[in-house]
Amino acid sequence: MLRIKDPDRALHHLILLPITSQPPRPDQAALEIPDMERRRAGLTRYPRAWVVVGEYNYDIAEQSYYYEPNTPALGAFSAPFLREIAKAVRAALPRTTARVDRTV
């Protein structure tokens, strides 16, 4: 999840990337999650997992019906892996319009 603060409207815009245990399709931009990162993120029940970087859900935290900020996190990725994800997202998103707007 990427959270972007909008100070003018006192809102937080959310970009939520899907994580899947299914191998990506050939046309799908995804990044395989290394074993150590799967453990850090609490995804050990899956032998393999991917972050899909070519599509995302968009929501606004303060108005969301889907996002619950008080839910405990399963885990977290390391800063270096988050940078790798961010780099992959920057490369993939200009080539796609795979945004699912959860605000409507």
N, C-alpha and C. Protein backbone atom coordinates (compact mmCIF):
# COMPACT_ATOMS: atom_id res chain seq x y z
N MET A 1 0.84 -1.17 0.00
CA MET A 1 0.00 0.00 0.00
C MET A 1 0.89 1.24 0.00
N LEU A 2 0.53 2.17 -0.84
CA LEU A 2 1.18 3.47 -0.88
C LEU A 2 0.16 4.49 -0.44
N ARG A 3 0.52 5.30 0.54
CA ARG A 3 -0.39 6.31 1.07
C ARG A 3 0.16 7.68 0.71
N ILE A 4 -0.68 8.51 0.07
CA ILE A 4 -0.28 9.84 -0.35
C ILE A 4 -1.19 10.85 0.35
N LYS A 5 -0.59 11.72 1.14
CA LYS A 5 -1.35 12.70 1.90
C LYS A 5 -1.75 13.88 1.02
N ASP A 6 -3.00 14.30 1.13
CA ASP A 6 -3.52 15.48 0.45
C ASP A 6 -3.83 16.51 1.53
N PRO A 7 -2.87 17.38 1.86
CA PRO A 7 -3.07 18.31 2.97
C PRO A 7 -4.16 19.34 2.73
N ASP A 8 -4.44 19.67 1.48
CA ASP A 8 -5.48 20.64 1.19
C ASP A 8 -6.86 20.14 1.59
N ARG A 9 -7.09 18.83 1.43
CA ARG A 9 -8.40 18.27 1.76
C ARG A 9 -8.35 17.35 2.98
N ALA A 10 -7.20 17.25 3.64
CA ALA A 10 -7.02 16.40 4.82
C ALA A 10 -7.44 14.96 4.55
N LEU A 11 -6.96 14.44 3.42
CA LEU A 11 -7.27 13.06 3.02
C LEU A 11 -5.99 12.30 2.72
N HIS A 12 -6.09 10.98 2.74
CA HIS A 12 -4.98 10.11 2.36
C HIS A 12 -5.43 9.23 1.20
N HIS A 13 -4.79 9.40 0.05
CA HIS A 13 -5.08 8.58 -1.12
C HIS A 13 -4.28 7.28 -0.99
N LEU A 14 -4.93 6.16 -1.28
CA LEU A 14 -4.29 4.86 -1.14
C LEU A 14 -4.15 4.19 -2.50
N ILE A 15 -2.98 3.63 -2.74
CA ILE A 15 -2.74 2.78 -3.90
C ILE A 15 -2.43 1.40 -3.33
N LEU A 16 -3.31 0.45 -3.61
CA LEU A 16 -3.20 -0.90 -3.05
C LEU A 16 -2.85 -1.88 -4.16
N LEU A 17 -1.69 -2.49 -4.06
CA LEU A 17 -1.24 -3.46 -5.06
C LEU A 17 -1.67 -4.86 -4.64
N PRO A 18 -2.18 -5.65 -5.59
CA PRO A 18 -2.57 -7.02 -5.24
C PRO A 18 -1.36 -7.92 -5.04
N ILE A 19 -1.50 -8.85 -4.11
CA ILE A 19 -0.52 -9.91 -3.89
C ILE A 19 -1.24 -11.22 -4.16
N THR A 20 -0.60 -12.09 -4.93
CA THR A 20 -1.24 -13.34 -5.32
C THR A 20 -0.28 -14.52 -5.17
N SER A 21 -0.86 -15.69 -4.96
CA SER A 21 -0.06 -16.92 -4.93
C SER A 21 -0.08 -17.60 -6.29
N GLN A 22 -0.82 -17.04 -7.23
CA GLN A 22 -0.91 -17.60 -8.58
C GLN A 22 0.14 -16.98 -9.49
N PRO A 23 0.85 -17.76 -10.28
CA PRO A 23 1.83 -17.19 -11.20
C PRO A 23 1.16 -16.17 -12.13
N PRO A 24 1.84 -15.08 -12.44
CA PRO A 24 1.25 -14.07 -13.31
C PRO A 24 1.10 -14.60 -14.74
N ARG A 25 0.12 -14.04 -15.43
CA ARG A 25 -0.05 -14.33 -16.86
C ARG A 25 1.13 -13.73 -17.62
N PRO A 26 1.41 -14.20 -18.81
CA PRO A 26 2.54 -13.65 -19.58
C PRO A 26 2.41 -12.14 -19.84
N ASP A 27 1.19 -11.64 -19.94
CA ASP A 27 0.97 -10.22 -20.22
C ASP A 27 0.83 -9.38 -18.94
N GLN A 28 1.02 -9.98 -17.78
CA GLN A 28 0.80 -9.31 -16.50
C GLN A 28 2.13 -8.91 -15.87
N ALA A 29 2.24 -7.63 -15.48
CA ALA A 29 3.45 -7.15 -14.82
C ALA A 29 3.39 -7.51 -13.34
N ALA A 30 4.34 -8.34 -12.91
CA ALA A 30 4.36 -8.78 -11.51
C ALA A 30 5.80 -9.01 -11.08
N LEU A 31 6.00 -8.94 -9.77
CA LEU A 31 7.32 -9.12 -9.18
C LEU A 31 7.22 -10.25 -8.18
N GLU A 32 8.04 -11.29 -8.36
CA GLU A 32 8.00 -12.40 -7.42
C GLU A 32 8.57 -11.96 -6.07
N ILE A 33 7.91 -12.38 -5.01
CA ILE A 33 8.33 -12.02 -3.65
C ILE A 33 9.35 -13.06 -3.19
N PRO A 34 10.57 -12.63 -2.88
CA PRO A 34 11.59 -13.58 -2.40
C PRO A 34 11.17 -14.24 -1.08
N ASP A 35 11.74 -15.42 -0.82
CA ASP A 35 11.37 -16.18 0.38
C ASP A 35 11.47 -15.36 1.67
N MET A 36 12.56 -14.65 1.86
CA MET A 36 12.74 -13.86 3.09
C MET A 36 11.65 -12.80 3.21
N GLU A 37 11.31 -12.17 2.10
CA GLU A 37 10.27 -11.13 2.13
C GLU A 37 8.89 -11.75 2.39
N ARG A 38 8.66 -12.94 1.86
CA ARG A 38 7.39 -13.63 2.16
C ARG A 38 7.27 -13.88 3.65
N ARG A 39 8.36 -14.29 4.28
CA ARG A 39 8.35 -14.53 5.73
C ARG A 39 8.11 -13.22 6.49
N ARG A 40 8.80 -12.16 6.10
CA ARG A 40 8.61 -10.86 6.76
C ARG A 40 7.17 -10.37 6.64
N ALA A 41 6.56 -10.64 5.51
CA ALA A 41 5.21 -10.16 5.26
C ALA A 41 4.12 -11.08 5.80
N GLY A 42 4.51 -12.20 6.39
CA GLY A 42 3.52 -13.12 6.94
C GLY A 42 2.79 -13.93 5.88
N LEU A 43 3.47 -14.18 4.78
CA LEU A 43 2.85 -14.92 3.66
C LEU A 43 3.43 -16.32 3.53
N THR A 44 3.83 -16.94 4.63
CA THR A 44 4.51 -18.23 4.58
C THR A 44 3.61 -19.38 4.18
N ARG A 45 2.30 -19.20 4.24
CA ARG A 45 1.42 -20.30 3.83
C ARG A 45 1.44 -20.52 2.32
N TYR A 46 2.04 -19.58 1.59
CA TYR A 46 2.16 -19.71 0.14
C TYR A 46 3.59 -20.08 -0.22
N PRO A 47 3.79 -21.13 -1.01
CA PRO A 47 5.16 -21.48 -1.39
C PRO A 47 5.80 -20.44 -2.31
N ARG A 48 4.98 -19.74 -3.09
CA ARG A 48 5.46 -18.65 -3.94
C ARG A 48 4.38 -17.57 -3.94
N ALA A 49 4.80 -16.31 -4.14
CA ALA A 49 3.85 -15.21 -4.18
C ALA A 49 4.41 -14.09 -5.04
N TRP A 50 3.52 -13.28 -5.59
CA TRP A 50 3.88 -12.17 -6.46
C TRP A 50 3.13 -10.91 -6.06
N VAL A 51 3.78 -9.78 -6.26
CA VAL A 51 3.12 -8.48 -6.17
C VAL A 51 2.80 -8.08 -7.60
N VAL A 52 1.54 -7.87 -7.90
CA VAL A 52 1.13 -7.45 -9.24
C VAL A 52 1.34 -5.94 -9.31
N VAL A 53 2.24 -5.50 -10.18
CA VAL A 53 2.60 -4.08 -10.24
C VAL A 53 1.95 -3.34 -11.39
N GLY A 54 1.24 -4.05 -12.25
CA GLY A 54 0.61 -3.42 -13.40
C GLY A 54 -0.85 -3.09 -13.20
N GLU A 55 -1.36 -3.27 -11.99
CA GLU A 55 -2.74 -2.91 -11.67
C GLU A 55 -2.82 -2.57 -10.20
N TYR A 56 -3.82 -1.81 -9.84
CA TYR A 56 -3.94 -1.42 -8.44
C TYR A 56 -5.37 -0.97 -8.12
N ASN A 57 -5.68 -1.00 -6.84
CA ASN A 57 -6.93 -0.45 -6.34
C ASN A 57 -6.63 0.94 -5.79
N TYR A 58 -7.51 1.87 -6.08
CA TYR A 58 -7.37 3.23 -5.56
C TYR A 58 -8.50 3.48 -4.57
N ASP A 59 -8.17 4.08 -3.44
CA ASP A 59 -9.18 4.38 -2.43
C ASP A 59 -8.74 5.61 -1.65
N ILE A 60 -9.64 6.15 -0.87
CA ILE A 60 -9.34 7.26 0.03
C ILE A 60 -9.58 6.74 1.44
N ALA A 61 -8.55 6.75 2.26
CA ALA A 61 -8.60 6.11 3.58
C ALA A 61 -9.76 6.60 4.43
N GLU A 62 -9.96 7.89 4.49
CA GLU A 62 -10.97 8.47 5.37
C GLU A 62 -12.40 8.22 4.91
N GLN A 63 -12.58 7.78 3.66
CA GLN A 63 -13.92 7.56 3.11
C GLN A 63 -14.15 6.11 2.69
N SER A 64 -13.22 5.24 3.01
CA SER A 64 -13.23 3.88 2.48
C SER A 64 -14.23 2.96 3.18
N TYR A 65 -14.88 2.14 2.36
CA TYR A 65 -15.71 1.05 2.86
C TYR A 65 -14.90 -0.24 2.94
N TYR A 66 -13.70 -0.26 2.36
CA TYR A 66 -12.90 -1.47 2.24
C TYR A 66 -11.69 -1.48 3.16
N TYR A 67 -11.06 -0.34 3.35
CA TYR A 67 -9.82 -0.26 4.12
C TYR A 67 -10.14 -0.01 5.59
N GLU A 68 -9.63 -0.86 6.44
CA GLU A 68 -9.81 -0.72 7.89
C GLU A 68 -8.45 -0.45 8.51
N PRO A 69 -8.18 0.81 8.90
CA PRO A 69 -6.84 1.17 9.39
C PRO A 69 -6.45 0.51 10.71
N ASN A 70 -7.39 0.01 11.48
CA ASN A 70 -7.07 -0.57 12.78
C ASN A 70 -6.84 -2.08 12.71
N THR A 71 -6.90 -2.66 11.53
CA THR A 71 -6.63 -4.09 11.37
C THR A 71 -5.12 -4.33 11.51
N PRO A 72 -4.73 -5.28 12.35
CA PRO A 72 -3.29 -5.52 12.49
C PRO A 72 -2.68 -6.05 11.19
N ALA A 73 -1.48 -5.60 10.90
CA ALA A 73 -0.76 -6.03 9.70
C ALA A 73 -0.27 -7.46 9.87
N LEU A 74 -0.25 -8.21 8.77
CA LEU A 74 0.33 -9.55 8.79
C LEU A 74 1.84 -9.47 8.96
N GLY A 75 2.43 -8.46 8.37
CA GLY A 75 3.87 -8.27 8.38
C GLY A 75 4.20 -7.10 7.48
N ALA A 76 5.45 -6.99 7.09
CA ALA A 76 5.87 -5.87 6.24
C ALA A 76 7.07 -6.30 5.40
N PHE A 77 7.21 -5.67 4.25
CA PHE A 77 8.38 -5.88 3.41
C PHE A 77 9.51 -4.98 3.89
N SER A 78 10.73 -5.36 3.57
CA SER A 78 11.90 -4.55 3.91
C SER A 78 11.94 -3.31 3.00
N ALA A 79 12.67 -2.29 3.45
CA ALA A 79 12.82 -1.07 2.66
C ALA A 79 13.44 -1.33 1.29
N PRO A 80 14.49 -2.17 1.18
CA PRO A 80 15.04 -2.43 -0.16
C PRO A 80 14.04 -3.09 -1.11
N PHE A 81 13.23 -4.03 -0.57
CA PHE A 81 12.24 -4.67 -1.44
C PHE A 81 11.13 -3.69 -1.81
N LEU A 82 10.75 -2.80 -0.91
CA LEU A 82 9.75 -1.78 -1.23
C LEU A 82 10.26 -0.86 -2.34
N ARG A 83 11.55 -0.54 -2.31
CA ARG A 83 12.12 0.27 -3.40
C ARG A 83 12.07 -0.48 -4.73
N GLU A 84 12.32 -1.78 -4.68
CA GLU A 84 12.22 -2.60 -5.89
C GLU A 84 10.79 -2.61 -6.43
N ILE A 85 9.82 -2.73 -5.53
CA ILE A 85 8.41 -2.69 -5.94
C ILE A 85 8.08 -1.33 -6.55
N ALA A 86 8.51 -0.25 -5.90
CA ALA A 86 8.23 1.10 -6.40
C ALA A 86 8.81 1.29 -7.80
N LYS A 87 10.02 0.79 -8.02
CA LYS A 87 10.66 0.89 -9.34
C LYS A 87 9.84 0.13 -10.38
N ALA A 88 9.38 -1.06 -10.03
CA ALA A 88 8.57 -1.87 -10.96
C ALA A 88 7.23 -1.21 -11.24
N VAL A 89 6.63 -0.60 -10.23
CA VAL A 89 5.34 0.10 -10.42
C VAL A 89 5.54 1.27 -11.36
N ARG A 90 6.58 2.06 -11.12
CA ARG A 90 6.85 3.22 -12.01
C ARG A 90 7.04 2.78 -13.45
N ALA A 91 7.65 1.64 -13.66
CA ALA A 91 7.88 1.14 -15.03
C ALA A 91 6.59 0.60 -15.65
N ALA A 92 5.73 -0.02 -14.84
CA ALA A 92 4.55 -0.71 -15.38
C ALA A 92 3.34 0.19 -15.55
N LEU A 93 3.09 1.09 -14.64
CA LEU A 93 1.83 1.85 -14.66
C LEU A 93 1.64 2.76 -15.87
N PRO A 94 2.67 3.39 -16.39
CA PRO A 94 2.43 4.22 -17.59
C PRO A 94 1.92 3.42 -18.79
N ARG A 95 2.16 2.11 -18.78
CA ARG A 95 1.76 1.26 -19.90
C ARG A 95 0.39 0.62 -19.68
N THR A 96 -0.28 0.93 -18.58
CA THR A 96 -1.55 0.27 -18.28
C THR A 96 -2.56 1.26 -17.71
N THR A 97 -3.79 0.87 -17.81
CA THR A 97 -4.87 1.67 -17.19
C THR A 97 -5.64 0.79 -16.23
N ALA A 98 -4.93 -0.09 -15.57
CA ALA A 98 -5.55 -1.10 -14.70
C ALA A 98 -5.79 -0.55 -13.28
N ARG A 99 -6.52 0.54 -13.19
CA ARG A 99 -6.87 1.13 -11.90
C ARG A 99 -8.31 0.76 -11.58
N VAL A 100 -8.51 0.22 -10.40
CA VAL A 100 -9.86 -0.08 -9.92
C VAL A 100 -10.17 0.95 -8.85
N ASP A 101 -11.13 1.81 -9.14
CA ASP A 101 -11.47 2.91 -8.24
C ASP A 101 -12.48 2.40 -7.21
N ARG A 102 -12.06 2.35 -5.95
CA ARG A 102 -12.91 1.87 -4.86
C ARG A 102 -13.66 3.00 -4.16
N THR A 103 -13.58 4.22 -4.70
CA THR A 103 -14.24 5.35 -4.06
C THR A 103 -15.68 5.53 -4.52
N VAL A 104 -16.08 4.81 -5.53
CA VAL A 104 -17.44 4.97 -6.07
C VAL A 104 -18.36 3.85 -5.61
